[in-house]
Amino acid sequence: MKKIKISLLICLLIFVGLNLTSQNAFAMDSESCKQCHQDVKKSWETSGHAKMGISCLSCHKSNMKLRQDKKEVCSTCHTTGEIKAGGSIGMPQKEVLEGSKVTFFTERDVPSSHSVSGVTCVDCHMPDNKSHSFKFIMPTSLETDNTNKDSQEEKTDNKEKQVASCTTCHRVLPPKLLKRQIVSKQSTITNMQNKVKKLLETNKEFKDQEIYKKAKANYEFTKKDGSKGIHNSIYIRDILKRTAIQLNNLKTNN
């Protein structure tokens, strides 16, 4: 019996040692990448990934190749799966782009035009294939435009002179018109989100009811996406519209 315990202890120590070695190797290899790829390091340090501890080897192998196809590497983390009333919401970018019927009160899938066209995350968030800030750069960020605060913030975000996110593909429309369309869509979605948020606040007396929990989950789903509808504006509008109707009906039906 004593020999068995000793054997188990040895196995445990070996397992822990290997695990620590693996973690240290991961950290060291990621640091090794940064020693040569200084430009990548600088842009990565400004990203949300850096703040969350997502490093080189989270997405890349030691030979610099992606761990998965570029269509899948982002959605490994940026996915929430089926949502539950009263449950927590992950990062639903995959579901939003695909327009998946994972939310409540929706009747069908509504895939985004980008998803249908085969556009991937990196096409918009890494249009130059080298910046690792993953920031969405507005079309007018590369132009001289001192007329408003937003454009000043955009130029601050674009210190690396990253290629504008839309103009790689959308070359016919002028950049300022593209920006106007984006801002208009985001404004519409933000207003709808604010409306649903207000309805959630005014209907708190029904917070224990299933419909309220589902409505709140839908609202959080649209907020966690983070794009203010740009990932799939038709889909997000539909979710928020149906959610507002359900919340408006709460008092009528009680």
C-alpha atoms as a PDB file:
ATOM      1  CA  MET A   1       0.000   0.000   0.000  1.00  0.00           C
ATOM      2  CA  LYS A   2       2.867   2.328   0.889  1.00  0.00           C
ATOM      3  CA  LYS A   3       4.531   1.646  -2.482  1.00  0.00           C
ATOM      4  CA  ILE A   4       1.298   2.494  -4.307  1.00  0.00           C
ATOM      5  CA  LYS A   5       1.032   5.829  -2.472  1.00  0.00           C
ATOM      6  CA  ILE A   6       4.649   6.657  -3.269  1.00  0.00           C
ATOM      7  CA  SER A   7       4.100   5.752  -6.933  1.00  0.00           C
ATOM      8  CA  LEU A   8       1.001   7.960  -7.112  1.00  0.00           C
ATOM      9  CA  LEU A   9       2.903  10.829  -5.486  1.00  0.00           C
ATOM     10  CA  ILE A  10       5.742  10.488  -7.997  1.00  0.00           C
ATOM     11  CA  CYS A  11       3.255  10.490 -10.906  1.00  0.00           C
ATOM     12  CA  LEU A  12       1.571  13.598  -9.506  1.00  0.00           C
ATOM     13  CA  LEU A  13       4.894  15.415  -9.152  1.00  0.00           C
ATOM     14  CA  ILE A  14       5.865  14.487 -12.712  1.00  0.00           C
ATOM     15  CA  PHE A  15       2.487  15.729 -14.025  1.00  0.00           C
ATOM     16  CA  VAL A  16       2.772  19.048 -12.169  1.00  0.00           C
ATOM     17  CA  GLY A  17       6.368  19.460 -13.310  1.00  0.00           C
ATOM     18  CA  LEU A  18       5.474  18.840 -16.946  1.00  0.00           C
ATOM     19  CA  ASN A  19       2.551  21.249 -16.716  1.00  0.00           C
ATOM     20  CA  LEU A  20       4.716  24.015 -15.244  1.00  0.00           C
ATOM     21  CA  THR A  21       7.402  23.352 -17.838  1.00  0.00           C
ATOM     22  CA  SER A  22       4.796  23.608 -20.588  1.00  0.00           C
ATOM     23  CA  GLN A  23       3.488  26.906 -19.213  1.00  0.00           C
ATOM     24  CA  ASN A  24       6.995  28.325 -18.856  1.00  0.00           C
ATOM     25  CA  ALA A  25       7.859  27.210 -22.380  1.00  0.00           C
ATOM     26  CA  PHE A  26       4.697  28.914 -23.657  1.00  0.00           C
ATOM     27  CA  ALA A  27       5.637  32.175 -21.941  1.00  0.00           C
ATOM     28  CA  MET A  28       9.279  31.984 -23.045  1.00  0.00           C
ATOM     29  CA  ASP A  29       8.382  31.190 -26.651  1.00  0.00           C
ATOM     30  CA  SER A  30       5.931  34.083 -26.775  1.00  0.00           C
ATOM     31  CA  GLU A  31       8.626  36.397 -25.414  1.00  0.00           C
ATOM     32  CA  SER A  32      11.044  35.025 -28.007  1.00  0.00           C
ATOM     33  CA  CYS A  33       8.613  36.028 -30.770  1.00  0.00           C
ATOM     34  CA  LYS A  34       8.496  39.596 -29.495  1.00  0.00           C
ATOM     35  CA  GLN A  35      12.284  39.982 -29.519  1.00  0.00           C
ATOM     36  CA  CYS A  36      12.336  39.933 -33.328  1.00  0.00           C
ATOM     37  CA  HIS A  37       8.819  41.065 -34.196  1.00  0.00           C
ATOM     38  CA  GLN A  38       8.970  44.460 -32.508  1.00  0.00           C
ATOM     39  CA  ASP A  39       6.354  46.098 -34.754  1.00  0.00           C
ATOM     40  CA  VAL A  40       3.908  43.303 -34.042  1.00  0.00           C
ATOM     41  CA  LYS A  41       4.689  43.551 -30.337  1.00  0.00           C
ATOM     42  CA  LYS A  42       3.949  47.296 -30.275  1.00  0.00           C
ATOM     43  CA  SER A  43       0.572  46.942 -31.952  1.00  0.00           C
ATOM     44  CA  TRP A  44      -0.316  43.844 -29.896  1.00  0.00           C
ATOM     45  CA  GLU A  45       0.390  45.751 -26.664  1.00  0.00           C
ATOM     46  CA  THR A  46      -2.448  48.170 -27.537  1.00  0.00           C
ATOM     47  CA  SER A  47      -4.935  45.339 -28.073  1.00  0.00           C
ATOM     48  CA  GLY A  48      -7.554  43.836 -25.817  1.00  0.00           C
ATOM     49  CA  HIS A  49      -5.807  40.511 -26.330  1.00  0.00           C
ATOM     50  CA  ALA A  50      -2.710  41.771 -24.500  1.00  0.00           C
ATOM     51  CA  LYS A  51      -4.839  42.894 -21.551  1.00  0.00           C
ATOM     52  CA  MET A  52      -6.458  39.450 -21.394  1.00  0.00           C
ATOM     53  CA  GLY A  53      -3.146  37.585 -21.564  1.00  0.00           C
ATOM     54  CA  ILE A  54      -3.698  36.294 -25.107  1.00  0.00           C
ATOM     55  CA  SER A  55      -0.185  35.970 -26.513  1.00  0.00           C
ATOM     56  CA  CYS A  56       1.530  34.811 -29.706  1.00  0.00           C
ATOM     57  CA  LEU A  57       1.153  31.086 -29.137  1.00  0.00           C
ATOM     58  CA  SER A  58      -2.543  31.414 -28.357  1.00  0.00           C
ATOM     59  CA  CYS A  59      -3.155  31.834 -32.087  1.00  0.00           C
ATOM     60  CA  HIS A  60       0.149  30.799 -33.690  1.00  0.00           C
ATOM     61  CA  LYS A  61       2.325  27.712 -33.635  1.00  0.00           C
ATOM     62  CA  SER A  62       6.029  28.114 -32.877  1.00  0.00           C
ATOM     63  CA  ASN A  63       6.692  28.227 -36.654  1.00  0.00           C
ATOM     64  CA  MET A  64       4.405  31.298 -36.911  1.00  0.00           C
ATOM     65  CA  LYS A  65       1.643  29.431 -38.764  1.00  0.00           C
ATOM     66  CA  LEU A  66      -1.878  29.786 -37.397  1.00  0.00           C
ATOM     67  CA  ARG A  67      -3.088  27.002 -35.138  1.00  0.00           C
ATOM     68  CA  GLN A  68      -6.296  26.875 -37.185  1.00  0.00           C
ATOM     69  CA  ASP A  69      -7.598  28.192 -40.485  1.00  0.00           C
ATOM     70  CA  LYS A  70      -8.013  31.977 -40.432  1.00  0.00           C
ATOM     71  CA  LYS A  71     -11.791  31.510 -40.669  1.00  0.00           C
ATOM     72  CA  GLU A  72     -11.773  29.566 -37.409  1.00  0.00           C
ATOM     73  CA  VAL A  73      -8.906  30.862 -35.278  1.00  0.00           C
ATOM     74  CA  CYS A  74     -10.848  33.888 -33.954  1.00  0.00           C
ATOM     75  CA  SER A  75     -14.109  32.028 -33.366  1.00  0.00           C
ATOM     76  CA  THR A  76     -12.320  29.602 -31.037  1.00  0.00           C
ATOM     77  CA  CYS A  77     -12.764  32.247 -28.326  1.00  0.00           C
ATOM     78  CA  HIS A  78     -15.186  34.736 -29.867  1.00  0.00           C
ATOM     79  CA  THR A  79     -18.252  32.522 -29.536  1.00  0.00           C
ATOM     80  CA  THR A  80     -20.952  32.067 -26.929  1.00  0.00           C
ATOM     81  CA  GLY A  81     -23.017  29.156 -28.251  1.00  0.00           C
ATOM     82  CA  GLU A  82     -26.646  28.759 -27.219  1.00  0.00           C
ATOM     83  CA  ILE A  83     -27.620  31.438 -24.713  1.00  0.00           C
ATOM     84  CA  LYS A  84     -29.750  30.769 -21.637  1.00  0.00           C
ATOM     85  CA  ALA A  85     -32.233  33.016 -19.865  1.00  0.00           C
ATOM     86  CA  GLY A  86     -30.523  34.302 -16.733  1.00  0.00           C
ATOM     87  CA  GLY A  87     -27.164  32.879 -17.815  1.00  0.00           C
ATOM     88  CA  SER A  88     -23.943  34.681 -18.648  1.00  0.00           C
ATOM     89  CA  ILE A  89     -23.114  35.718 -22.209  1.00  0.00           C
ATOM     90  CA  GLY A  90     -19.684  35.061 -23.674  1.00  0.00           C
ATOM     91  CA  MET A  91     -18.258  36.767 -26.761  1.00  0.00           C
ATOM     92  CA  PRO A  92     -20.912  36.219 -29.450  1.00  0.00           C
ATOM     93  CA  GLN A  93     -19.128  37.629 -32.501  1.00  0.00           C
ATOM     94  CA  LYS A  94     -19.292  34.280 -34.347  1.00  0.00           C
ATOM     95  CA  GLU A  95     -23.026  33.918 -33.748  1.00  0.00           C
ATOM     96  CA  VAL A  96     -23.694  37.540 -34.735  1.00  0.00           C
ATOM     97  CA  LEU A  97     -21.772  37.283 -38.008  1.00  0.00           C
ATOM     98  CA  GLU A  98     -23.533  34.038 -38.871  1.00  0.00           C
ATOM     99  CA  GLY A  99     -26.889  35.389 -37.666  1.00  0.00           C
ATOM    100  CA  SER A 100     -27.435  32.178 -35.715  1.00  0.00           C
ATOM    101  CA  LYS A 101     -30.845  31.540 -34.173  1.00  0.00           C
ATOM    102  CA  VAL A 102     -29.418  31.328 -30.656  1.00  0.00           C
ATOM    103  CA  THR A 103     -31.301  34.283 -29.175  1.00  0.00           C
ATOM    104  CA  PHE A 104     -34.876  34.400 -27.895  1.00  0.00           C
ATOM    105  CA  PHE A 105     -37.980  35.494 -29.845  1.00  0.00           C
ATOM    106  CA  THR A 106     -36.161  35.131 -33.196  1.00  0.00           C
ATOM    107  CA  GLU A 107     -37.577  32.877 -35.894  1.00  0.00           C
ATOM    108  CA  ARG A 108     -34.754  32.232 -38.369  1.00  0.00           C
ATOM    109  CA  ASP A 109     -31.047  32.555 -39.078  1.00  0.00           C
ATOM    110  CA  VAL A 110     -30.027  35.916 -40.556  1.00  0.00           C
ATOM    111  CA  PRO A 111     -26.424  35.602 -41.795  1.00  0.00           C
ATOM    112  CA  SER A 112     -24.557  38.827 -42.495  1.00  0.00           C
ATOM    113  CA  SER A 113     -23.626  39.765 -46.053  1.00  0.00           C
ATOM    114  CA  HIS A 114     -19.957  39.588 -45.025  1.00  0.00           C
ATOM    115  CA  SER A 115     -20.382  36.066 -43.685  1.00  0.00           C
ATOM    116  CA  VAL A 116     -22.158  34.936 -46.860  1.00  0.00           C
ATOM    117  CA  SER A 117     -19.402  36.517 -48.973  1.00  0.00           C
ATOM    118  CA  GLY A 118     -16.693  34.647 -47.069  1.00  0.00           C
ATOM    119  CA  VAL A 119     -15.242  37.729 -45.374  1.00  0.00           C
ATOM    120  CA  THR A 120     -13.370  36.733 -42.207  1.00  0.00           C
ATOM    121  CA  CYS A 121     -12.532  38.595 -38.991  1.00  0.00           C
ATOM    122  CA  VAL A 122      -8.964  39.344 -40.074  1.00  0.00           C
ATOM    123  CA  ASP A 123     -10.119  40.867 -43.371  1.00  0.00           C
ATOM    124  CA  CYS A 124     -11.538  43.803 -41.396  1.00  0.00           C
ATOM    125  CA  HIS A 125      -9.478  43.740 -38.200  1.00  0.00           C
ATOM    126  CA  MET A 126      -6.120  43.028 -39.887  1.00  0.00           C
ATOM    127  CA  PRO A 127      -6.561  44.414 -43.414  1.00  0.00           C
ATOM    128  CA  ASP A 128      -2.805  44.940 -43.815  1.00  0.00           C
ATOM    129  CA  ASN A 129      -2.006  41.459 -42.445  1.00  0.00           C
ATOM    130  CA  LYS A 130       0.565  42.798 -39.995  1.00  0.00           C
ATOM    131  CA  SER A 131      -1.121  44.991 -37.383  1.00  0.00           C
ATOM    132  CA  HIS A 132      -2.012  43.063 -34.220  1.00  0.00           C
ATOM    133  CA  SER A 133      -4.047  45.779 -32.506  1.00  0.00           C
ATOM    134  CA  PHE A 134      -7.155  44.253 -34.157  1.00  0.00           C
ATOM    135  CA  LYS A 135      -8.797  47.677 -34.079  1.00  0.00           C
ATOM    136  CA  PHE A 136     -11.421  48.578 -36.629  1.00  0.00           C
ATOM    137  CA  ILE A 137     -10.093  51.594 -38.524  1.00  0.00           C
ATOM    138  CA  MET A 138     -12.752  53.919 -39.932  1.00  0.00           C
ATOM    139  CA  PRO A 139     -12.408  54.695 -43.672  1.00  0.00           C
ATOM    140  CA  THR A 140     -11.595  58.388 -43.054  1.00  0.00           C
ATOM    141  CA  SER A 141      -8.897  57.678 -40.459  1.00  0.00           C
ATOM    142  CA  LEU A 142      -6.192  58.139 -43.077  1.00  0.00           C
ATOM    143  CA  GLU A 143      -7.569  61.455 -44.287  1.00  0.00           C
ATOM    144  CA  THR A 144      -7.020  64.969 -42.929  1.00  0.00           C
ATOM    145  CA  ASP A 145     -10.242  65.663 -41.106  1.00  0.00           C
ATOM    146  CA  ASN A 146     -10.139  67.987 -38.106  1.00  0.00           C
ATOM    147  CA  THR A 147     -13.858  68.742 -38.004  1.00  0.00           C
ATOM    148  CA  ASN A 148     -14.882  66.564 -35.074  1.00  0.00           C
ATOM    149  CA  LYS A 149     -13.693  64.745 -31.996  1.00  0.00           C
ATOM    150  CA  ASP A 150     -14.385  61.300 -33.502  1.00  0.00           C
ATOM    151  CA  SER A 151     -11.926  61.800 -36.343  1.00  0.00           C
ATOM    152  CA  GLN A 152      -9.271  62.957 -33.860  1.00  0.00           C
ATOM    153  CA  GLU A 153      -9.771  59.788 -31.822  1.00  0.00           C
ATOM    154  CA  GLU A 154      -9.533  57.703 -34.987  1.00  0.00           C
ATOM    155  CA  LYS A 155      -6.169  59.195 -35.910  1.00  0.00           C
ATOM    156  CA  THR A 156      -4.946  58.544 -32.364  1.00  0.00           C
ATOM    157  CA  ASP A 157      -6.004  54.899 -32.707  1.00  0.00           C
ATOM    158  CA  ASN A 158      -4.264  54.679 -36.056  1.00  0.00           C
ATOM    159  CA  LYS A 159      -0.718  55.656 -35.065  1.00  0.00           C
ATOM    160  CA  GLU A 160       0.567  52.569 -36.869  1.00  0.00           C
ATOM    161  CA  LYS A 161      -0.949  53.863 -40.134  1.00  0.00           C
ATOM    162  CA  GLN A 162      -2.996  50.684 -40.371  1.00  0.00           C
ATOM    163  CA  VAL A 163      -4.970  50.270 -43.592  1.00  0.00           C
ATOM    164  CA  ALA A 164      -8.592  51.404 -43.237  1.00  0.00           C
ATOM    165  CA  SER A 165     -10.836  48.422 -42.588  1.00  0.00           C
ATOM    166  CA  CYS A 166     -13.409  48.908 -45.363  1.00  0.00           C
ATOM    167  CA  THR A 167     -11.521  50.392 -48.285  1.00  0.00           C
ATOM    168  CA  THR A 168      -9.588  47.222 -49.093  1.00  0.00           C
ATOM    169  CA  CYS A 169     -12.794  45.819 -50.607  1.00  0.00           C
ATOM    170  CA  HIS A 170     -15.153  48.803 -50.886  1.00  0.00           C
ATOM    171  CA  ARG A 171     -13.192  50.891 -53.372  1.00  0.00           C
ATOM    172  CA  VAL A 172     -16.045  52.522 -55.304  1.00  0.00           C
ATOM    173  CA  LEU A 173     -17.673  54.568 -52.539  1.00  0.00           C
ATOM    174  CA  PRO A 174     -15.713  57.561 -51.163  1.00  0.00           C
ATOM    175  CA  PRO A 175     -14.278  56.895 -47.663  1.00  0.00           C
ATOM    176  CA  LYS A 176     -16.348  59.658 -46.071  1.00  0.00           C
ATOM    177  CA  LEU A 177     -19.558  58.149 -47.454  1.00  0.00           C
ATOM    178  CA  LEU A 178     -18.552  54.734 -46.118  1.00  0.00           C
ATOM    179  CA  LYS A 179     -17.959  56.258 -42.712  1.00  0.00           C
ATOM    180  CA  ARG A 180     -21.327  58.024 -42.828  1.00  0.00           C
ATOM    181  CA  GLN A 181     -23.074  54.703 -43.509  1.00  0.00           C
ATOM    182  CA  ILE A 182     -21.250  52.997 -40.643  1.00  0.00           C
ATOM    183  CA  VAL A 183     -22.002  55.798 -38.175  1.00  0.00           C
ATOM    184  CA  SER A 184     -25.667  55.828 -39.238  1.00  0.00           C
ATOM    185  CA  LYS A 185     -26.044  52.074 -38.661  1.00  0.00           C
ATOM    186  CA  GLN A 186     -24.261  52.241 -35.313  1.00  0.00           C
ATOM    187  CA  SER A 187     -26.410  55.183 -34.224  1.00  0.00           C
ATOM    188  CA  THR A 188     -29.598  53.273 -35.073  1.00  0.00           C
ATOM    189  CA  ILE A 189     -28.476  50.209 -33.124  1.00  0.00           C
ATOM    190  CA  THR A 190     -27.308  52.275 -30.142  1.00  0.00           C
ATOM    191  CA  ASN A 191     -30.692  54.012 -29.956  1.00  0.00           C
ATOM    192  CA  MET A 192     -32.486  50.656 -30.086  1.00  0.00           C
ATOM    193  CA  GLN A 193     -30.215  49.245 -27.370  1.00  0.00           C
ATOM    194  CA  ASN A 194     -30.912  52.275 -25.177  1.00  0.00           C
ATOM    195  CA  LYS A 195     -34.647  51.788 -25.696  1.00  0.00           C
ATOM    196  CA  VAL A 196     -34.456  48.134 -24.639  1.00  0.00           C
ATOM    197  CA  LYS A 197     -32.249  49.053 -21.672  1.00  0.00           C
ATOM    198  CA  LYS A 198     -34.850  51.588 -20.523  1.00  0.00           C
ATOM    199  CA  LEU A 199     -37.634  49.018 -20.906  1.00  0.00           C
ATOM    200  CA  LEU A 200     -35.629  46.563 -18.799  1.00  0.00           C
ATOM    201  CA  GLU A 201     -35.253  49.206 -16.091  1.00  0.00           C
ATOM    202  CA  THR A 202     -38.943  50.177 -16.085  1.00  0.00           C
ATOM    203  CA  ASN A 203     -40.047  46.534 -16.009  1.00  0.00           C
ATOM    204  CA  LYS A 204     -37.795  45.385 -13.161  1.00  0.00           C
ATOM    205  CA  GLU A 205     -40.863  44.300 -11.195  1.00  0.00           C
ATOM    206  CA  PHE A 206     -41.066  41.377 -13.630  1.00  0.00           C
ATOM    207  CA  LYS A 207     -37.373  40.434 -13.367  1.00  0.00           C
ATOM    208  CA  ASP A 208     -38.184  36.946 -12.083  1.00  0.00           C
ATOM    209  CA  GLN A 209     -40.366  36.159 -15.083  1.00  0.00           C
ATOM    210  CA  GLU A 210     -38.940  34.071 -17.918  1.00  0.00           C
ATOM    211  CA  ILE A 211     -39.749  36.631 -20.628  1.00  0.00           C
ATOM    212  CA  TYR A 212     -37.852  39.356 -18.748  1.00  0.00           C
ATOM    213  CA  LYS A 213     -34.823  37.070 -18.328  1.00  0.00           C
ATOM    214  CA  LYS A 214     -34.874  36.214 -22.033  1.00  0.00           C
ATOM    215  CA  ALA A 215     -35.176  39.887 -22.969  1.00  0.00           C
ATOM    216  CA  LYS A 216     -32.221  40.768 -20.759  1.00  0.00           C
ATOM    217  CA  ALA A 217     -30.154  37.956 -22.284  1.00  0.00           C
ATOM    218  CA  ASN A 218     -30.943  39.273 -25.767  1.00  0.00           C
ATOM    219  CA  TYR A 219     -29.909  42.796 -24.782  1.00  0.00           C
ATOM    220  CA  GLU A 220     -26.622  41.611 -23.267  1.00  0.00           C
ATOM    221  CA  PHE A 221     -25.991  39.478 -26.363  1.00  0.00           C
ATOM    222  CA  THR A 222     -26.177  42.555 -28.619  1.00  0.00           C
ATOM    223  CA  LYS A 223     -23.966  44.587 -26.254  1.00  0.00           C
ATOM    224  CA  LYS A 224     -21.317  41.879 -25.831  1.00  0.00           C
ATOM    225  CA  ASP A 225     -20.883  41.711 -29.607  1.00  0.00           C
ATOM    226  CA  GLY A 226     -19.322  45.159 -29.325  1.00  0.00           C
ATOM    227  CA  SER A 227     -19.723  46.251 -32.950  1.00  0.00           C
ATOM    228  CA  LYS A 228     -22.913  48.302 -32.449  1.00  0.00           C
ATOM    229  CA  GLY A 229     -24.464  46.287 -35.232  1.00  0.00           C
ATOM    230  CA  ILE A 230     -21.725  46.518 -37.848  1.00  0.00           C
ATOM    231  CA  HIS A 231     -21.081  42.774 -37.678  1.00  0.00           C
ATOM    232  CA  ASN A 232     -24.706  42.164 -38.724  1.00  0.00           C
ATOM    233  CA  SER A 233     -27.030  45.152 -38.450  1.00  0.00           C
ATOM    234  CA  ILE A 234     -30.153  43.440 -39.851  1.00  0.00           C
ATOM    235  CA  TYR A 235     -29.821  40.588 -37.341  1.00  0.00           C
ATOM    236  CA  ILE A 236     -29.180  42.874 -34.350  1.00  0.00           C
ATOM    237  CA  ARG A 237     -32.063  45.177 -35.313  1.00  0.00           C
ATOM    238  CA  ASP A 238     -34.406  42.189 -35.511  1.00  0.00           C
ATOM    239  CA  ILE A 239     -33.349  40.927 -32.068  1.00  0.00           C
ATOM    240  CA  LEU A 240     -33.775  44.337 -30.433  1.00  0.00           C
ATOM    241  CA  LYS A 241     -37.110  45.015 -32.157  1.00  0.00           C
ATOM    242  CA  ARG A 242     -38.584  41.681 -31.042  1.00  0.00           C
ATOM    243  CA  THR A 243     -37.153  42.123 -27.541  1.00  0.00           C
ATOM    244  CA  ALA A 244     -38.739  45.577 -27.180  1.00  0.00           C
ATOM    245  CA  ILE A 245     -42.128  44.162 -28.224  1.00  0.00           C
ATOM    246  CA  GLN A 246     -41.914  41.425 -25.581  1.00  0.00           C
ATOM    247  CA  LEU A 247     -40.985  43.929 -22.866  1.00  0.00           C
ATOM    248  CA  ASN A 248     -43.802  46.283 -23.889  1.00  0.00           C
ATOM    249  CA  ASN A 249     -46.237  43.383 -23.609  1.00  0.00           C
ATOM    250  CA  LEU A 250     -45.142  42.492 -20.071  1.00  0.00           C
ATOM    251  CA  LYS A 251     -47.353  45.048 -18.330  1.00  0.00           C
ATOM    252  CA  THR A 252     -50.226  44.430 -20.735  1.00  0.00           C
ATOM    253  CA  ASN A 253     -50.218  40.721 -19.982  1.00  0.00           C
ATOM    254  CA  ASN A 254     -49.820  41.037 -16.193  1.00  0.00           C
END
